[in-house]
């Protein structure tokens, strides 16, 4: 299921908090720690990734819900490259993760997932912010993802976090190849789209804000 970048929150979002984000971050820090993944974290990630399947089934998207979970070894390349982060509860147990690959020479969010029991606590947005901070610090101008455009916890969610829709003809060959693979898998029976997050220029979110949990 690693080919499917769906949102961490497995339930429709009530809204994205865009005010008092510093306070939200302080609350989050009391309970959740985001760090680079360790080898011992990898076996837990497939279960986290498939934990939100009930939401897709409730939306009539059984094809998505029935997808085979990724093997733990599928996360190893991103882990070795330092592009895999986990969110852990106060016991150190992973409850969410974000996995970033390189597509068309840009960081690409391959997967972001959070256990439904921890949804609604801004964890997904915080994971995405950490990945964006890394990409910006490395010097990438933007990052991409592919997602369902009409599923509330997919496209609309990312838009509220500052991502914008990327036209179909604007993506590079590898991003377009991902779209073709989605079509072959039958995923395009529900509208799909590419999205981009600008990391430089006046439209980019300051690092201090991107590091705070805004939603998820």
Protein backbone atom coordinates (compact mmCIF):
# COMPACT_ATOMS: atom_id res chain seq x y z
CA UNK A 1 0.00 0.00 0.00
CA UNK A 2 3.10 2.20 -0.09
CA UNK A 3 2.04 3.47 -3.52
CA UNK A 4 -0.96 5.21 -2.04
CA UNK A 5 -0.29 8.60 -0.43
CA UNK A 6 -3.40 9.14 1.65
CA UNK A 7 -3.81 11.43 4.58
CA UNK A 8 -2.96 10.56 8.12
CA UNK A 9 -6.40 11.39 9.52
CA UNK A 10 -8.73 8.46 8.93
CA UNK A 11 -11.88 10.45 9.68
CA UNK A 12 -13.21 13.57 7.96
CA UNK A 13 -11.61 16.66 9.36
CA UNK A 14 -13.71 19.08 11.36
CA UNK A 15 -11.40 21.89 10.37
CA UNK A 16 -7.84 23.04 10.26
CA UNK A 17 -6.74 25.25 13.10
CA UNK A 18 -4.89 28.19 11.66
CA UNK A 19 -4.89 30.34 14.78
CA UNK A 20 -2.90 30.00 17.96
CA UNK A 21 -0.65 27.41 16.34
CA UNK A 22 2.10 27.95 18.88
CA UNK A 23 -0.26 26.87 21.64
CA UNK A 24 -1.25 23.83 19.57
CA UNK A 25 2.40 22.92 19.21
CA UNK A 26 2.97 23.12 22.96
CA UNK A 27 0.01 20.81 23.55
CA UNK A 28 1.30 18.40 20.91
CA UNK A 29 4.80 18.33 22.35
CA UNK A 30 3.45 17.03 25.65
CA UNK A 31 2.31 13.83 24.00
CA UNK A 32 4.03 13.24 20.65
CA UNK A 33 7.64 13.20 19.49
CA UNK A 34 8.59 13.26 15.80
CA UNK A 35 12.00 11.85 14.92
CA UNK A 36 13.84 9.99 12.21
CA UNK A 37 12.81 6.34 12.03
CA UNK A 38 14.98 3.61 13.50
CA UNK A 39 15.30 0.01 12.30
CA UNK A 40 13.14 -1.26 15.14
CA UNK A 41 10.30 1.06 14.03
CA UNK A 42 9.89 -0.49 10.57
CA UNK A 43 7.78 -3.56 11.51
CA UNK A 44 5.09 -1.28 12.98
CA UNK A 45 4.67 0.84 9.87
CA UNK A 46 2.52 -1.49 7.69
CA UNK A 47 -0.06 -1.71 10.47
CA UNK A 48 -0.15 2.07 10.80
CA UNK A 49 -0.49 2.41 7.04
CA UNK A 50 -3.50 0.09 6.84
CA UNK A 51 -5.17 1.29 10.04
CA UNK A 52 -7.33 3.84 8.25
CA UNK A 53 -8.84 1.38 5.79
CA UNK A 54 -12.22 1.56 7.51
CA UNK A 55 -12.59 5.18 6.41
CA UNK A 56 -12.04 4.27 2.75
CA UNK A 57 -14.46 1.36 3.03
CA UNK A 58 -17.06 3.67 4.54
CA UNK A 59 -16.55 5.96 1.54
CA UNK A 60 -17.25 3.06 -0.84
CA UNK A 61 -13.59 2.72 -1.85
CA UNK A 62 -13.14 -0.99 -1.18
CA UNK A 63 -10.34 -1.25 -3.73
CA UNK A 64 -8.26 1.07 -1.59
CA UNK A 65 -9.29 -0.56 1.67
CA UNK A 66 -8.41 -4.04 0.38
CA UNK A 67 -4.93 -3.15 -0.89
CA UNK A 68 -2.16 -5.37 0.40
CA UNK A 69 -0.05 -3.79 3.15
CA UNK A 70 3.54 -2.97 2.37
CA UNK A 71 6.28 -5.29 3.56
CA UNK A 72 8.46 -3.72 6.28
CA UNK A 73 11.43 -3.97 3.93
CA UNK A 74 9.70 -1.51 1.59
CA UNK A 75 10.51 1.27 4.04
CA UNK A 76 14.22 0.50 4.22
CA UNK A 77 15.40 2.65 1.27
CA UNK A 78 13.73 5.77 2.69
CA UNK A 79 15.02 4.93 6.16
CA UNK A 80 18.59 4.49 4.93
CA UNK A 81 18.36 7.79 3.04
CA UNK A 82 17.10 9.69 6.09
CA UNK A 83 13.70 10.37 4.54
CA UNK A 84 11.47 8.43 6.94
CA UNK A 85 10.12 10.03 10.11
CA UNK A 86 7.90 8.57 12.82
CA UNK A 87 5.62 10.17 15.36
CA UNK A 88 5.81 8.39 18.73
CA UNK A 89 3.61 8.53 21.79
CA UNK A 90 4.98 9.10 25.26
CA UNK A 91 5.98 5.43 25.51
CA UNK A 92 8.07 5.65 22.34
CA UNK A 93 5.61 3.58 20.30
CA UNK A 94 5.23 4.74 16.66
CA UNK A 95 1.72 6.01 15.99
CA UNK A 96 2.35 7.70 12.64
CA UNK A 97 4.94 8.19 9.94
CA UNK A 98 5.79 10.06 6.76
CA UNK A 99 7.84 8.49 3.98
CA UNK A 100 9.50 10.65 1.34
CA UNK A 101 10.97 9.44 -1.95
CA UNK A 102 12.74 11.37 -4.69
CA UNK A 103 10.64 11.77 -7.85
CA UNK A 104 11.84 13.92 -10.75
CA UNK A 105 14.68 15.15 -8.54
CA UNK A 106 12.22 16.50 -5.96
CA UNK A 107 11.09 15.14 -2.59
CA UNK A 108 7.77 13.34 -2.98
CA UNK A 109 5.48 12.35 -0.11
CA UNK A 110 4.90 8.69 -0.82
CA UNK A 111 2.91 8.03 2.33
CA UNK A 112 1.74 9.77 5.48
CA UNK A 113 -0.32 7.81 7.99
CA UNK A 114 -1.46 8.14 11.59
CA UNK A 115 -3.34 5.62 13.70
CA UNK A 116 -7.05 6.56 13.89
CA UNK A 117 -6.77 6.50 17.68
CA UNK A 118 -4.40 9.47 17.39
CA UNK A 119 -6.16 11.34 14.58
CA UNK A 120 -7.33 14.89 15.14
CA UNK A 121 -4.26 15.85 17.16
CA UNK A 122 -2.35 17.61 14.36
CA UNK A 123 0.08 14.69 14.07
CA UNK A 124 -0.27 14.27 10.31
CA UNK A 125 0.33 17.96 9.66
CA UNK A 126 3.30 17.94 12.00
CA UNK A 127 4.86 14.98 10.18
CA UNK A 128 4.39 16.78 6.87
CA UNK A 129 5.91 19.94 8.33
CA UNK A 130 8.99 18.05 9.51
CA UNK A 131 9.43 16.57 6.04
CA UNK A 132 9.01 20.01 4.47
CA UNK A 133 11.57 21.50 6.86
CA UNK A 134 14.05 18.81 5.86
CA UNK A 135 13.43 19.42 2.15
CA UNK A 136 13.82 23.17 2.57
CA UNK A 137 17.00 22.81 4.62
CA UNK A 138 18.52 20.51 1.99
CA UNK A 139 17.74 23.14 -0.64
CA UNK A 140 14.80 21.72 -2.54
CA UNK A 141 12.48 24.42 -3.94
CA UNK A 142 9.30 22.37 -3.66
CA UNK A 143 7.93 18.91 -2.92
CA UNK A 144 5.13 16.88 -4.46
CA UNK A 145 2.56 14.20 -3.74
CA UNK A 146 -0.31 12.42 -5.44
CA UNK A 147 -3.66 11.95 -3.76
CA UNK A 148 -7.42 11.63 -4.20
CA UNK A 149 -8.81 15.03 -5.08
CA UNK A 150 -12.28 14.67 -3.53
CA UNK A 151 -11.67 12.55 -0.42
CA UNK A 152 -11.98 15.00 2.51
CA UNK A 153 -8.86 13.76 4.28
CA UNK A 154 -6.80 13.80 1.07
CA UNK A 155 -6.79 16.66 -1.46
CA UNK A 156 -8.87 19.20 0.51
CA UNK A 157 -6.80 18.47 3.62
CA UNK A 158 -3.51 19.11 1.85
CA UNK A 159 -4.85 22.33 0.34
CA UNK A 160 -5.59 23.63 3.82
CA UNK A 161 -1.97 22.91 4.69
CA UNK A 162 -0.71 25.07 1.83
CA UNK A 163 -0.38 22.53 -0.99
CA UNK A 164 -1.75 23.47 -4.42
CA UNK A 165 -2.97 21.35 -7.30
CA UNK A 166 -0.36 20.65 -9.97
CA UNK A 167 -1.77 20.51 -13.53
CA UNK A 168 -1.53 17.11 -15.19
CA UNK A 169 0.92 18.36 -17.81
CA UNK A 170 3.16 20.13 -15.29
CA UNK A 171 4.65 17.04 -13.65
CA UNK A 172 7.88 15.39 -14.71
CA UNK A 173 8.12 11.95 -16.33
CA UNK A 174 8.40 10.04 -13.06
CA UNK A 175 5.37 11.80 -11.57
CA UNK A 176 3.42 11.04 -14.72
CA UNK A 177 4.55 7.42 -14.49
CA UNK A 178 3.05 7.27 -10.99
CA UNK A 179 -0.24 8.52 -12.44
CA UNK A 180 -0.13 5.80 -15.08
CA UNK A 181 0.49 3.18 -12.42
CA UNK A 182 -2.50 4.43 -10.44
CA UNK A 183 -4.62 4.07 -13.57
CA UNK A 184 -3.39 0.50 -14.07
CA UNK A 185 -4.31 -0.31 -10.48
CA UNK A 186 -7.84 1.02 -10.98
CA UNK A 187 -7.45 3.93 -8.60
CA UNK A 188 -8.55 6.52 -11.13
CA UNK A 189 -12.17 5.46 -10.79
CA UNK A 190 -11.99 8.18 -8.13
CA UNK A 191 -10.42 11.49 -9.21
CA UNK A 192 -6.70 11.73 -8.51
CA UNK A 193 -4.37 14.71 -8.65
CA UNK A 194 -0.78 15.76 -8.15
CA UNK A 195 -0.05 18.52 -5.65
CA UNK A 196 2.97 20.69 -4.93
CA UNK A 197 4.20 22.58 -1.88
CA UNK A 198 6.38 25.61 -2.55
CA UNK A 199 9.32 25.83 -0.14
CA UNK A 200 10.86 29.11 -1.30
CA UNK A 201 9.68 32.58 -2.17
CA UNK A 202 6.95 34.76 -0.65
CA UNK A 203 4.34 32.01 -0.83
CA UNK A 204 6.32 29.60 1.32
CA UNK A 205 5.31 29.09 4.93
CA UNK A 206 7.99 30.17 7.45
CA UNK A 207 9.86 27.26 9.00
CA UNK A 208 8.64 28.10 12.50
CA UNK A 209 5.04 27.81 11.38
CA UNK A 210 5.57 24.75 9.23
CA UNK A 211 7.07 23.04 12.23
CA UNK A 212 3.90 23.43 14.23
CA UNK A 213 1.07 20.91 13.99
CA UNK A 214 -1.79 22.56 12.13
CA UNK A 215 -4.06 19.60 11.51
CA UNK A 216 -4.20 15.89 11.05
